[in-house]
Amino acid sequence: MILTLNTCITIDRKKRSRRKALLSMDVDYFNDEEKSTAQVRMLHERIARLQPLDRAIVLLWLEQISYDEIGDIVGLSAKNVSVRLARIRVQLKNMSNE
Protein backbone atom coordinates (compact mmCIF):
# COMPACT_ATOMS: atom_id res chain seq x y z
CA MET A 1 0.00 0.00 0.00
CA ILE A 2 2.77 2.46 0.96
CA LEU A 3 4.75 1.51 -2.14
CA THR A 4 1.76 2.32 -4.35
CA LEU A 5 1.24 5.66 -2.64
CA ASN A 6 4.92 6.60 -2.99
CA THR A 7 4.87 5.61 -6.66
CA CYS A 8 1.84 7.84 -7.28
CA ILE A 9 3.48 10.75 -5.48
CA THR A 10 6.68 10.32 -7.51
CA ILE A 11 4.77 10.23 -10.79
CA ASP A 12 2.84 13.36 -9.79
CA ARG A 13 6.08 15.19 -8.96
CA LYS A 14 7.59 14.24 -12.32
CA LYS A 15 4.54 15.58 -14.14
CA ARG A 16 4.75 18.87 -12.27
CA SER A 17 8.47 19.25 -12.89
CA ARG A 18 8.16 18.99 -16.67
CA ARG A 19 8.63 22.34 -18.25
CA LYS A 20 5.71 23.47 -20.32
CA ALA A 21 5.83 26.21 -22.90
CA LEU A 22 2.66 28.20 -23.29
CA LEU A 23 1.14 28.08 -26.74
CA SER A 24 -1.03 30.94 -27.87
CA MET A 25 -3.87 29.92 -30.15
CA ASP A 26 -4.07 33.50 -31.50
CA VAL A 27 -1.27 33.27 -34.06
CA ASP A 28 -1.29 35.08 -37.39
CA TYR A 29 -0.19 32.28 -39.74
CA PHE A 30 0.57 34.72 -42.55
CA ASN A 31 2.89 36.99 -40.56
CA ASP A 32 6.51 35.99 -41.11
CA GLU A 33 7.95 37.33 -37.85
CA GLU A 34 10.41 35.13 -35.99
CA LYS A 35 8.16 34.64 -32.93
CA SER A 36 5.10 33.80 -35.01
CA THR A 37 7.06 31.33 -37.11
CA ALA A 38 8.33 29.60 -33.96
CA GLN A 39 4.79 29.38 -32.56
CA VAL A 40 3.43 27.93 -35.80
CA ARG A 41 6.23 25.36 -35.83
CA MET A 42 5.45 24.47 -32.18
CA LEU A 43 1.75 24.10 -33.01
CA HIS A 44 2.53 21.77 -35.94
CA GLU A 45 4.83 19.65 -33.74
CA ARG A 46 2.14 19.34 -31.08
CA ILE A 47 -0.56 18.49 -33.62
CA ALA A 48 1.69 15.74 -35.00
CA ARG A 49 1.75 14.15 -31.51
CA LEU A 50 -2.06 13.86 -31.31
CA GLN A 51 -3.95 10.64 -31.93
CA PRO A 52 -4.88 10.18 -35.63
CA LEU A 53 -8.59 11.00 -35.21
CA ASP A 54 -7.87 14.06 -33.06
CA ARG A 55 -5.23 15.19 -35.55
CA ALA A 56 -7.72 14.87 -38.42
CA ILE A 57 -10.36 16.83 -36.51
CA VAL A 58 -8.04 19.71 -35.62
CA LEU A 59 -6.60 19.91 -39.14
CA LEU A 60 -10.08 20.04 -40.65
CA TRP A 61 -11.02 22.72 -38.10
CA LEU A 62 -7.93 24.75 -39.05
CA GLU A 63 -9.18 24.61 -42.64
CA GLN A 64 -12.34 26.33 -41.33
CA ILE A 65 -14.61 23.42 -42.13
CA SER A 66 -17.89 23.43 -40.18
CA TYR A 67 -18.51 21.01 -37.33
CA ASP A 68 -21.26 19.32 -39.36
CA GLU A 69 -18.90 18.70 -42.28
CA ILE A 70 -16.10 17.50 -40.00
CA GLY A 71 -18.57 15.13 -38.35
CA ASP A 72 -19.63 13.76 -41.73
CA ILE A 73 -16.00 13.21 -42.73
CA VAL A 74 -14.85 11.47 -39.54
CA GLY A 75 -18.15 9.79 -38.64
CA LEU A 76 -19.11 11.78 -35.53
CA SER A 77 -21.95 14.09 -34.61
CA ALA A 78 -21.36 17.84 -34.77
CA LYS A 79 -21.75 18.03 -30.98
CA ASN A 80 -19.14 15.31 -30.50
CA VAL A 81 -16.77 17.22 -32.81
CA SER A 82 -17.32 20.33 -30.70
CA VAL A 83 -16.54 18.49 -27.46
CA ARG A 84 -13.47 16.78 -28.93
CA LEU A 85 -12.13 20.10 -30.23
CA ALA A 86 -12.46 21.66 -26.79
CA ARG A 87 -10.53 18.75 -25.29
CA ILE A 88 -7.92 18.87 -28.07
CA ARG A 89 -7.32 22.58 -27.44
CA VAL A 90 -6.70 21.90 -23.75
CA GLN A 91 -4.43 18.99 -24.64
CA LEU A 92 -2.42 21.15 -27.07
CA LYS A 93 -2.02 23.92 -24.50
CA ASN A 94 -0.83 21.49 -21.84
CA MET A 95 1.68 19.59 -23.95
CA SER A 96 5.29 20.03 -22.93
CA ASN A 97 8.08 20.54 -25.43
CA GLU A 98 9.82 17.19 -25.69
PDB file of N, CA and C in Angstrom:
ATOM      1  N   MET A   1       0.829  -1.187   0.000  1.00  0.00           N
ATOM      2  CA  MET A   1       0.000   0.000   0.000  1.00  0.00           C
ATOM      3  C   MET A   1       0.876   1.254   0.000  1.00  0.00           C
ATOM      4  N   ILE A   2       1.884   1.296   0.867  1.00  0.00           N
ATOM      5  CA  ILE A   2       2.774   2.459   0.962  1.00  0.00           C
ATOM      6  C   ILE A   2       3.568   2.594  -0.334  1.00  0.00           C
ATOM      7  N   LEU A   3       3.994   1.480  -0.890  1.00  0.00           N
ATOM      8  CA  LEU A   3       4.753   1.508  -2.142  1.00  0.00           C
ATOM      9  C   LEU A   3       3.919   2.124  -3.263  1.00  0.00           C
ATOM     10  N   THR A   4       2.661   1.766  -3.332  1.00  0.00           N
ATOM     11  CA  THR A   4       1.761   2.318  -4.348  1.00  0.00           C
ATOM     12  C   THR A   4       1.584   3.818  -4.166  1.00  0.00           C
ATOM     13  N   LEU A   5       1.404   4.238  -2.931  1.00  0.00           N
ATOM     14  CA  LEU A   5       1.241   5.662  -2.635  1.00  0.00           C
ATOM     15  C   LEU A   5       2.498   6.441  -3.012  1.00  0.00           C
ATOM     16  N   ASN A   6       3.662   5.930  -2.651  1.00  0.00           N
ATOM     17  CA  ASN A   6       4.919   6.598  -2.991  1.00  0.00           C
ATOM     18  C   ASN A   6       5.126   6.666  -4.501  1.00  0.00           C
ATOM     19  N   THR A   7       4.758   5.618  -5.202  1.00  0.00           N
ATOM     20  CA  THR A   7       4.870   5.609  -6.662  1.00  0.00           C
ATOM     21  C   THR A   7       3.981   6.684  -7.269  1.00  0.00           C
ATOM     22  N   CYS A   8       2.767   6.798  -6.776  1.00  0.00           N
ATOM     23  CA  CYS A   8       1.844   7.835  -7.280  1.00  0.00           C
ATOM     24  C   CYS A   8       2.376   9.235  -7.003  1.00  0.00           C
ATOM     25  N   ILE A   9       2.926   9.443  -5.826  1.00  0.00           N
ATOM     26  CA  ILE A   9       3.483  10.754  -5.479  1.00  0.00           C
ATOM     27  C   ILE A   9       4.665  11.077  -6.384  1.00  0.00           C
ATOM     28  N   THR A  10       5.527  10.108  -6.641  1.00  0.00           N
ATOM     29  CA  THR A  10       6.681  10.317  -7.514  1.00  0.00           C
ATOM     30  C   THR A  10       6.251  10.659  -8.932  1.00  0.00           C
ATOM     31  N   ILE A  11       5.272   9.959  -9.432  1.00  0.00           N
ATOM     32  CA  ILE A  11       4.773  10.234 -10.785  1.00  0.00           C
ATOM     33  C   ILE A  11       4.184  11.637 -10.852  1.00  0.00           C
ATOM     34  N   ASP A  12       3.428  12.024  -9.828  1.00  0.00           N
ATOM     35  CA  ASP A  12       2.843  13.364  -9.792  1.00  0.00           C
ATOM     36  C   ASP A  12       3.931  14.431  -9.776  1.00  0.00           C
ATOM     37  N   ARG A  13       4.976  14.228  -9.015  1.00  0.00           N
ATOM     38  CA  ARG A  13       6.084  15.189  -8.965  1.00  0.00           C
ATOM     39  C   ARG A  13       6.764  15.323 -10.320  1.00  0.00           C
ATOM     40  N   LYS A  14       6.954  14.205 -11.004  1.00  0.00           N
ATOM     41  CA  LYS A  14       7.591  14.239 -12.319  1.00  0.00           C
ATOM     42  C   LYS A  14       6.736  15.029 -13.310  1.00  0.00           C
ATOM     43  N   LYS A  15       5.428  14.844 -13.242  1.00  0.00           N
ATOM     44  CA  LYS A  15       4.541  15.583 -14.142  1.00  0.00           C
ATOM     45  C   LYS A  15       4.628  17.074 -13.878  1.00  0.00           C
ATOM     46  N   ARG A  16       4.688  17.452 -12.622  1.00  0.00           N
ATOM     47  CA  ARG A  16       4.754  18.870 -12.274  1.00  0.00           C
ATOM     48  C   ARG A  16       6.089  19.491 -12.664  1.00  0.00           C
ATOM     49  N   SER A  17       7.149  18.698 -12.622  1.00  0.00           N
ATOM     50  CA  SER A  17       8.472  19.250 -12.891  1.00  0.00           C
ATOM     51  C   SER A  17       8.752  19.425 -14.376  1.00  0.00           C
ATOM     52  N   ARG A  18       7.969  18.799 -15.233  1.00  0.00           N
ATOM     53  CA  ARG A  18       8.162  18.988 -16.670  1.00  0.00           C
ATOM     54  C   ARG A  18       7.911  20.435 -17.031  1.00  0.00           C
ATOM     55  N   ARG A  19       8.798  20.960 -17.815  1.00  0.00           N
ATOM     56  CA  ARG A  19       8.635  22.345 -18.245  1.00  0.00           C
ATOM     57  C   ARG A  19       7.639  22.388 -19.389  1.00  0.00           C
ATOM     58  N   LYS A  20       6.718  23.301 -19.285  1.00  0.00           N
ATOM     59  CA  LYS A  20       5.714  23.466 -20.324  1.00  0.00           C
ATOM     60  C   LYS A  20       5.836  24.856 -20.904  1.00  0.00           C
ATOM     61  N   ALA A  21       5.825  24.918 -22.225  1.00  0.00           N
ATOM     62  CA  ALA A  21       5.831  26.213 -22.897  1.00  0.00           C
ATOM     63  C   ALA A  21       4.393  26.559 -23.243  1.00  0.00           C
ATOM     64  N   LEU A  22       4.014  27.769 -22.962  1.00  0.00           N
ATOM     65  CA  LEU A  22       2.662  28.200 -23.290  1.00  0.00           C
ATOM     66  C   LEU A  22       2.533  28.377 -24.794  1.00  0.00           C
ATOM     67  N   LEU A  23       1.407  27.975 -25.314  1.00  0.00           N
ATOM     68  CA  LEU A  23       1.139  28.084 -26.737  1.00  0.00           C
ATOM     69  C   LEU A  23      -0.082  28.948 -26.923  1.00  0.00           C
ATOM     70  N   SER A  24       0.088  30.054 -27.597  1.00  0.00           N
ATOM     71  CA  SER A  24      -1.027  30.944 -27.872  1.00  0.00           C
ATOM     72  C   SER A  24      -1.776  30.434 -29.100  1.00  0.00           C
ATOM     73  N   MET A  25      -3.080  30.374 -29.007  1.00  0.00           N
ATOM     74  CA  MET A  25      -3.873  29.924 -30.147  1.00  0.00           C
ATOM     75  C   MET A  25      -4.224  31.099 -31.057  1.00  0.00           C
ATOM     76  N   ASP A  26      -3.779  32.306 -30.714  1.00  0.00           N
ATOM     77  CA  ASP A  26      -4.068  33.500 -31.504  1.00  0.00           C
ATOM     78  C   ASP A  26      -2.840  33.886 -32.328  1.00  0.00           C
ATOM     79  N   VAL A  27      -2.462  33.037 -33.251  1.00  0.00           N
ATOM     80  CA  VAL A  27      -1.273  33.269 -34.060  1.00  0.00           C
ATOM     81  C   VAL A  27      -1.700  33.653 -35.463  1.00  0.00           C
ATOM     82  N   ASP A  28      -1.055  34.684 -36.004  1.00  0.00           N
ATOM     83  CA  ASP A  28      -1.287  35.082 -37.388  1.00  0.00           C
ATOM     84  C   ASP A  28      -0.389  34.218 -38.272  1.00  0.00           C
ATOM     85  N   TYR A  29      -0.965  33.244 -38.959  1.00  0.00           N
ATOM     86  CA  TYR A  29      -0.195  32.282 -39.742  1.00  0.00           C
ATOM     87  C   TYR A  29       0.469  32.905 -40.961  1.00  0.00           C
ATOM     88  N   PHE A  30       0.046  34.088 -41.346  1.00  0.00           N
ATOM     89  CA  PHE A  30       0.574  34.715 -42.551  1.00  0.00           C
ATOM     90  C   PHE A  30       1.622  35.772 -42.250  1.00  0.00           C
ATOM     91  N   ASN A  31       1.863  36.045 -40.972  1.00  0.00           N
ATOM     92  CA  ASN A  31       2.889  36.992 -40.564  1.00  0.00           C
ATOM     93  C   ASN A  31       4.196  36.226 -40.439  1.00  0.00           C
ATOM     94  N   ASP A  32       5.260  36.737 -41.048  1.00  0.00           N
ATOM     95  CA  ASP A  32       6.512  35.991 -41.114  1.00  0.00           C
ATOM     96  C   ASP A  32       7.517  36.434 -40.048  1.00  0.00           C
ATOM     97  N   GLU A  33       7.054  36.945 -38.925  1.00  0.00           N
ATOM     98  CA  GLU A  33       7.951  37.327 -37.848  1.00  0.00           C
ATOM     99  C   GLU A  33       8.546  36.073 -37.208  1.00  0.00           C
ATOM    100  N   GLU A  34       9.695  36.242 -36.619  1.00  0.00           N
ATOM    101  CA  GLU A  34      10.414  35.127 -35.989  1.00  0.00           C
ATOM    102  C   GLU A  34       9.566  34.434 -34.917  1.00  0.00           C
ATOM    103  N   LYS A  35       8.953  35.216 -34.018  1.00  0.00           N
ATOM    104  CA  LYS A  35       8.165  34.644 -32.929  1.00  0.00           C
ATOM    105  C   LYS A  35       6.952  33.886 -33.463  1.00  0.00           C
ATOM    106  N   SER A  36       6.261  34.455 -34.439  1.00  0.00           N
ATOM    107  CA  SER A  36       5.095  33.797 -35.013  1.00  0.00           C
ATOM    108  C   SER A  36       5.487  32.502 -35.700  1.00  0.00           C
ATOM    109  N   THR A  37       6.602  32.525 -36.417  1.00  0.00           N
ATOM    110  CA  THR A  37       7.062  31.329 -37.107  1.00  0.00           C
ATOM    111  C   THR A  37       7.379  30.224 -36.108  1.00  0.00           C
ATOM    112  N   ALA A  38       8.005  30.582 -34.996  1.00  0.00           N
ATOM    113  CA  ALA A  38       8.327  29.596 -33.962  1.00  0.00           C
ATOM    114  C   ALA A  38       7.053  29.025 -33.349  1.00  0.00           C
ATOM    115  N   GLN A  39       6.051  29.862 -33.138  1.00  0.00           N
ATOM    116  CA  GLN A  39       4.793  29.378 -32.563  1.00  0.00           C
ATOM    117  C   GLN A  39       4.064  28.448 -33.533  1.00  0.00           C
ATOM    118  N   VAL A  40       4.083  28.791 -34.803  1.00  0.00           N
ATOM    119  CA  VAL A  40       3.432  27.932 -35.797  1.00  0.00           C
ATOM    120  C   VAL A  40       4.138  26.585 -35.842  1.00  0.00           C
ATOM    121  N   ARG A  41       5.462  26.609 -35.809  1.00  0.00           N
ATOM    122  CA  ARG A  41       6.230  25.358 -35.832  1.00  0.00           C
ATOM    123  C   ARG A  41       5.898  24.525 -34.595  1.00  0.00           C
ATOM    124  N   MET A  42       5.792  25.174 -33.411  1.00  0.00           N
ATOM    125  CA  MET A  42       5.452  24.471 -32.184  1.00  0.00           C
ATOM    126  C   MET A  42       4.050  23.864 -32.286  1.00  0.00           C
ATOM    127  N   LEU A  43       3.112  24.616 -32.851  1.00  0.00           N
ATOM    128  CA  LEU A  43       1.752  24.104 -33.009  1.00  0.00           C
ATOM    129  C   LEU A  43       1.742  22.876 -33.912  1.00  0.00           C
ATOM    130  N   HIS A  44       2.474  22.917 -35.019  1.00  0.00           N
ATOM    131  CA  HIS A  44       2.529  21.770 -35.935  1.00  0.00           C
ATOM    132  C   HIS A  44       3.160  20.553 -35.253  1.00  0.00           C
ATOM    133  N   GLU A  45       4.193  20.768 -34.454  1.00  0.00           N
ATOM    134  CA  GLU A  45       4.828  19.654 -33.735  1.00  0.00           C
ATOM    135  C   GLU A  45       3.862  19.025 -32.744  1.00  0.00           C
ATOM    136  N   ARG A  46       3.102  19.863 -32.060  1.00  0.00           N
ATOM    137  CA  ARG A  46       2.141  19.341 -31.082  1.00  0.00           C
ATOM    138  C   ARG A  46       0.991  18.621 -31.769  1.00  0.00           C
ATOM    139  N   ILE A  47       0.515  19.156 -32.877  1.00  0.00           N
ATOM    140  CA  ILE A  47      -0.562  18.492 -33.619  1.00  0.00           C
ATOM    141  C   ILE A  47      -0.100  17.126 -34.086  1.00  0.00           C
ATOM    142  N   ALA A  48       1.149  17.023 -34.514  1.00  0.00           N
ATOM    143  CA  ALA A  48       1.687  15.745 -34.996  1.00  0.00           C
ATOM    144  C   ALA A  48       1.703  14.689 -33.896  1.00  0.00           C
ATOM    145  N   ARG A  49       1.722  15.096 -32.631  1.00  0.00           N
ATOM    146  CA  ARG A  49       1.750  14.151 -31.509  1.00  0.00           C
ATOM    147  C   ARG A  49       0.360  13.704 -31.073  1.00  0.00           C
ATOM    148  N   LEU A  50      -0.690  14.261 -31.664  1.00  0.00           N
ATOM    149  CA  LEU A  50      -2.056  13.862 -31.308  1.00  0.00           C
ATOM    150  C   LEU A  50      -2.380  12.491 -31.893  1.00  0.00           C
ATOM    151  N   GLN A  51      -3.432  11.882 -31.359  1.00  0.00           N
ATOM    152  CA  GLN A  51      -3.949  10.639 -31.931  1.00  0.00           C
ATOM    153  C   GLN A  51      -4.477  10.921 -33.338  1.00  0.00           C
ATOM    154  N   PRO A  52      -4.483   9.933 -34.236  1.00  0.00           N
ATOM    155  CA  PRO A  52      -4.878  10.182 -35.634  1.00  0.00           C
ATOM    156  C   PRO A  52      -6.250  10.849 -35.806  1.00  0.00           C
ATOM    157  N   LEU A  53      -7.264  10.409 -35.064  1.00  0.00           N
ATOM    158  CA  LEU A  53      -8.594  11.000 -35.207  1.00  0.00           C
ATOM    159  C   LEU A  53      -8.595  12.448 -34.725  1.00  0.00           C
ATOM    160  N   ASP A  54      -7.949  12.696 -33.587  1.00  0.00           N
ATOM    161  CA  ASP A  54      -7.873  14.061 -33.065  1.00  0.00           C
ATOM    162  C   ASP A  54      -7.097  14.957 -34.025  1.00  0.00           C
ATOM    163  N   ARG A  55      -6.024  14.428 -34.595  1.00  0.00           N
ATOM    164  CA  ARG A  55      -5.228  15.195 -35.550  1.00  0.00           C
ATOM    165  C   ARG A  55      -6.081  15.563 -36.771  1.00  0.00           C
ATOM    166  N   ALA A  56      -6.855  14.601 -37.262  1.00  0.00           N
ATOM    167  CA  ALA A  56      -7.715  14.867 -38.417  1.00  0.00           C
ATOM    168  C   ALA A  56      -8.744  15.945 -38.088  1.00  0.00           C
ATOM    169  N   ILE A  57      -9.340  15.860 -36.908  1.00  0.00           N
ATOM    170  CA  ILE A  57     -10.361  16.832 -36.512  1.00  0.00           C
ATOM    171  C   ILE A  57      -9.772  18.231 -36.429  1.00  0.00           C
ATOM    172  N   VAL A  58      -8.613  18.375 -35.782  1.00  0.00           N
ATOM    173  CA  VAL A  58      -8.039  19.707 -35.620  1.00  0.00           C
ATOM    174  C   VAL A  58      -7.554  20.260 -36.957  1.00  0.00           C
ATOM    175  N   LEU A  59      -7.037  19.418 -37.825  1.00  0.00           N
ATOM    176  CA  LEU A  59      -6.598  19.908 -39.137  1.00  0.00           C
ATOM    177  C   LEU A  59      -7.781  20.357 -39.992  1.00  0.00           C
ATOM    178  N   LEU A  60      -8.883  19.623 -39.920  1.00  0.00           N
ATOM    179  CA  LEU A  60     -10.081  20.045 -40.647  1.00  0.00           C
ATOM    180  C   LEU A  60     -10.621  21.353 -40.066  1.00  0.00           C
ATOM    181  N   TRP A  61     -10.570  21.488 -38.748  1.00  0.00           N
ATOM    182  CA  TRP A  61     -11.024  22.719 -38.101  1.00  0.00           C
ATOM    183  C   TRP A  61     -10.149  23.900 -38.510  1.00  0.00           C
ATOM    184  N   LEU A  62      -8.835  23.683 -38.610  1.00  0.00           N
ATOM    185  CA  LEU A  62      -7.934  24.751 -39.050  1.00  0.00           C
ATOM    186  C   LEU A  62      -8.213  25.175 -40.495  1.00  0.00           C
ATOM    187  N   GLU A  63      -8.790  24.288 -41.266  1.00  0.00           N
ATOM    188  CA  GLU A  63      -9.183  24.608 -42.642  1.00  0.00           C
ATOM    189  C   GLU A  63     -10.540  25.314 -42.678  1.00  0.00           C
ATOM    190  N   GLN A  64     -11.074  25.621 -41.496  1.00  0.00           N
ATOM    191  CA  GLN A  64     -12.341  26.334 -41.328  1.00  0.00           C
ATOM    192  C   GLN A  64     -13.540  25.570 -41.896  1.00  0.00           C
ATOM    193  N   ILE A  65     -13.494  24.268 -41.731  1.00  0.00           N
ATOM    194  CA  ILE A  65     -14.615  23.419 -42.133  1.00  0.00           C
ATOM    195  C   ILE A  65     -15.587  23.368 -40.955  1.00  0.00           C
ATOM    196  N   SER A  66     -16.877  23.399 -41.249  1.00  0.00           N
ATOM    197  CA  SER A  66     -17.886  23.429 -40.180  1.00  0.00           C
ATOM    198  C   SER A  66     -17.896  22.120 -39.392  1.00  0.00           C
ATOM    199  N   TYR A  67     -18.432  22.191 -38.172  1.00  0.00           N
ATOM    200  CA  TYR A  67     -18.510  21.008 -37.327  1.00  0.00           C
ATOM    201  C   TYR A  67     -19.347  19.917 -37.991  1.00  0.00           C
ATOM    202  N   ASP A  68     -20.419  20.302 -38.676  1.00  0.00           N
ATOM    203  CA  ASP A  68     -21.262  19.320 -39.356  1.00  0.00           C
ATOM    204  C   ASP A  68     -20.467  18.576 -40.429  1.00  0.00           C
ATOM    205  N   GLU A  69     -19.692  19.325 -41.216  1.00  0.00           N
ATOM    206  CA  GLU A  69     -18.897  18.697 -42.276  1.00  0.00           C
ATOM    207  C   GLU A  69     -17.782  17.832 -41.695  1.00  0.00           C
ATOM    208  N   ILE A  70     -17.141  18.306 -40.640  1.00  0.00           N
ATOM    209  CA  ILE A  70     -16.101  17.502 -39.999  1.00  0.00           C
ATOM    210  C   ILE A  70     -16.711  16.206 -39.473  1.00  0.00           C
ATOM    211  N   GLY A  71     -17.880  16.314 -38.855  1.00  0.00           N
ATOM    212  CA  GLY A  71     -18.571  15.133 -38.348  1.00  0.00           C
ATOM    213  C   GLY A  71     -18.889  14.144 -39.449  1.00  0.00           C
ATOM    214  N   ASP A  72     -19.338  14.645 -40.595  1.00  0.00           N
ATOM    215  CA  ASP A  72     -19.627  13.760 -41.727  1.00  0.00           C
ATOM    216  C   ASP A  72     -18.364  13.051 -42.220  1.00  0.00           C
ATOM    217  N   ILE A  73     -17.252  13.774 -42.226  1.00  0.00           N
ATOM    218  CA  ILE A  73     -16.000  13.214 -42.730  1.00  0.00           C
ATOM    219  C   ILE A  73     -15.459  12.134 -41.795  1.00  0.00           C
ATOM    220  N   VAL A  74     -15.456  12.410 -40.490  1.00  0.00           N
ATOM    221  CA  VAL A  74     -14.851  11.467 -39.539  1.00  0.00           C
ATOM    222  C   VAL A  74     -15.861  10.520 -38.888  1.00  0.00           C
ATOM    223  N   GLY A  75     -17.135  10.700 -39.155  1.00  0.00           N
ATOM    224  CA  GLY A  75     -18.149   9.789 -38.636  1.00  0.00           C
ATOM    225  C   GLY A  75     -18.596  10.087 -37.216  1.00  0.00           C
ATOM    226  N   LEU A  76     -18.643  11.365 -36.849  1.00  0.00           N
ATOM    227  CA  LEU A  76     -19.106  11.778 -35.528  1.00  0.00           C
ATOM    228  C   LEU A  76     -20.221  12.800 -35.677  1.00  0.00           C
ATOM    229  N   SER A  77     -20.946  13.032 -34.591  1.00  0.00           N
ATOM    230  CA  SER A  77     -21.952  14.091 -34.614  1.00  0.00           C
ATOM    231  C   SER A  77     -21.254  15.438 -34.481  1.00  0.00           C
ATOM    232  N   ALA A  78     -21.929  16.501 -34.878  1.00  0.00           N
ATOM    233  CA  ALA A  78     -21.357  17.845 -34.773  1.00  0.00           C
ATOM    234  C   ALA A  78     -21.079  18.188 -33.310  1.00  0.00           C
ATOM    235  N   LYS A  79     -21.946  17.779 -32.403  1.00  0.00           N
ATOM    236  CA  LYS A  79     -21.748  18.034 -30.976  1.00  0.00           C
ATOM    237  C   LYS A  79     -20.510  17.306 -30.459  1.00  0.00           C
ATOM    238  N   ASN A  80     -20.311  16.066 -30.906  1.00  0.00           N
ATOM    239  CA  ASN A  80     -19.137  15.307 -30.498  1.00  0.00           C
ATOM    240  C   ASN A  80     -17.863  15.963 -31.028  1.00  0.00           C
ATOM    241  N   VAL A  81     -17.917  16.492 -32.247  1.00  0.00           N
ATOM    242  CA  VAL A  81     -16.772  17.216 -32.811  1.00  0.00           C
ATOM    243  C   VAL A  81     -16.457  18.427 -31.948  1.00  0.00           C
ATOM    244  N   SER A  82     -17.490  19.153 -31.538  1.00  0.00           N
ATOM    245  CA  SER A  82     -17.317  20.329 -30.701  1.00  0.00           C
ATOM    246  C   SER A  82     -16.643  19.971 -29.375  1.00  0.00           C
ATOM    247  N   VAL A  83     -17.101  18.921 -28.741  1.00  0.00           N
ATOM    248  CA  VAL A  83     -16.545  18.486 -27.461  1.00  0.00           C
ATOM    249  C   VAL A  83     -15.096  18.037 -27.644  1.00  0.00           C
ATOM    250  N   ARG A  84     -14.835  17.265 -28.692  1.00  0.00           N
ATOM    251  CA  ARG A  84     -13.468  16.783 -28.934  1.00  0.00           C
ATOM    252  C   ARG A  84     -12.521  17.944 -29.214  1.00  0.00           C
ATOM    253  N   LEU A  85     -12.982  18.943 -29.953  1.00  0.00           N
ATOM    254  CA  LEU A  85     -12.133  20.103 -30.233  1.00  0.00           C
ATOM    255  C   LEU A  85     -11.784  20.858 -28.951  1.00  0.00           C
ATOM    256  N   ALA A  86     -12.734  20.991 -28.065  1.00  0.00           N
ATOM    257  CA  ALA A  86     -12.461  21.663 -26.787  1.00  0.00           C
ATOM    258  C   ALA A  86     -11.405  20.888 -26.011  1.00  0.00           C
ATOM    259  N   ARG A  87     -11.510  19.573 -25.999  1.00  0.00           N
ATOM    260  CA  ARG A  87     -10.531  18.751 -25.292  1.00  0.00           C
ATOM    261  C   ARG A  87      -9.173  18.782 -25.992  1.00  0.00           C
ATOM    262  N   ILE A  88      -9.174  18.817 -27.312  1.00  0.00           N
ATOM    263  CA  ILE A  88      -7.923  18.875 -28.075  1.00  0.00           C
ATOM    264  C   ILE A  88      -7.202  20.188 -27.784  1.00  0.00           C
ATOM    265  N   ARG A  89      -7.941  21.284 -27.732  1.00  0.00           N
ATOM    266  CA  ARG A  89      -7.320  22.583 -27.437  1.00  0.00           C
ATOM    267  C   ARG A  89      -6.624  22.569 -26.080  1.00  0.00           C
ATOM    268  N   VAL A  90      -7.297  22.002 -25.090  1.00  0.00           N
ATOM    269  CA  VAL A  90      -6.699  21.904 -23.754  1.00  0.00           C
ATOM    270  C   VAL A  90      -5.455  21.022 -23.808  1.00  0.00           C
ATOM    271  N   GLN A  91      -5.561  19.915 -24.515  1.00  0.00           N
ATOM    272  CA  GLN A  91      -4.430  18.995 -24.639  1.00  0.00           C
ATOM    273  C   GLN A  91      -3.238  19.685 -25.311  1.00  0.00           C
ATOM    274  N   LEU A  92      -3.487  20.453 -26.375  1.00  0.00           N
ATOM    275  CA  LEU A  92      -2.420  21.150 -27.070  1.00  0.00           C
ATOM    276  C   LEU A  92      -1.763  22.193 -26.175  1.00  0.00           C
ATOM    277  N   LYS A  93      -2.566  22.899 -25.405  1.00  0.00           N
ATOM    278  CA  LYS A  93      -2.018  23.924 -24.501  1.00  0.00           C
ATOM    279  C   LYS A  93      -1.165  23.313 -23.410  1.00  0.00           C
ATOM    280  N   ASN A  94      -1.535  22.118 -22.962  1.00  0.00           N
ATOM    281  CA  ASN A  94      -0.833  21.492 -21.840  1.00  0.00           C
ATOM    282  C   ASN A  94       0.338  20.616 -22.239  1.00  0.00           C
ATOM    283  N   MET A  95       0.561  20.419 -23.516  1.00  0.00           N
ATOM    284  CA  MET A  95       1.684  19.591 -23.953  1.00  0.00           C
ATOM    285  C   MET A  95       2.995  20.278 -23.625  1.00  0.00           C
ATOM    286  N   SER A  96       3.954  19.481 -23.191  1.00  0.00           N
ATOM    287  CA  SER A  96       5.286  20.027 -22.932  1.00  0.00           C
ATOM    288  C   SER A  96       6.127  19.870 -24.197  1.00  0.00           C
ATOM    289  N   ASN A  97       7.165  20.648 -24.294  1.00  0.00           N
ATOM    290  CA  ASN A  97       8.078  20.541 -25.426  1.00  0.00           C
ATOM    291  C   ASN A  97       9.056  19.413 -25.153  1.00  0.00           C
ATOM    292  N   GLU A  98       8.938  18.352 -25.896  1.00  0.00           N
ATOM    293  CA  GLU A  98       9.823  17.193 -25.689  1.00  0.00           C
ATOM    294  C   GLU A  98      10.648  16.972 -26.913  1.00  0.00           C
TER     295      GLU A  98
END
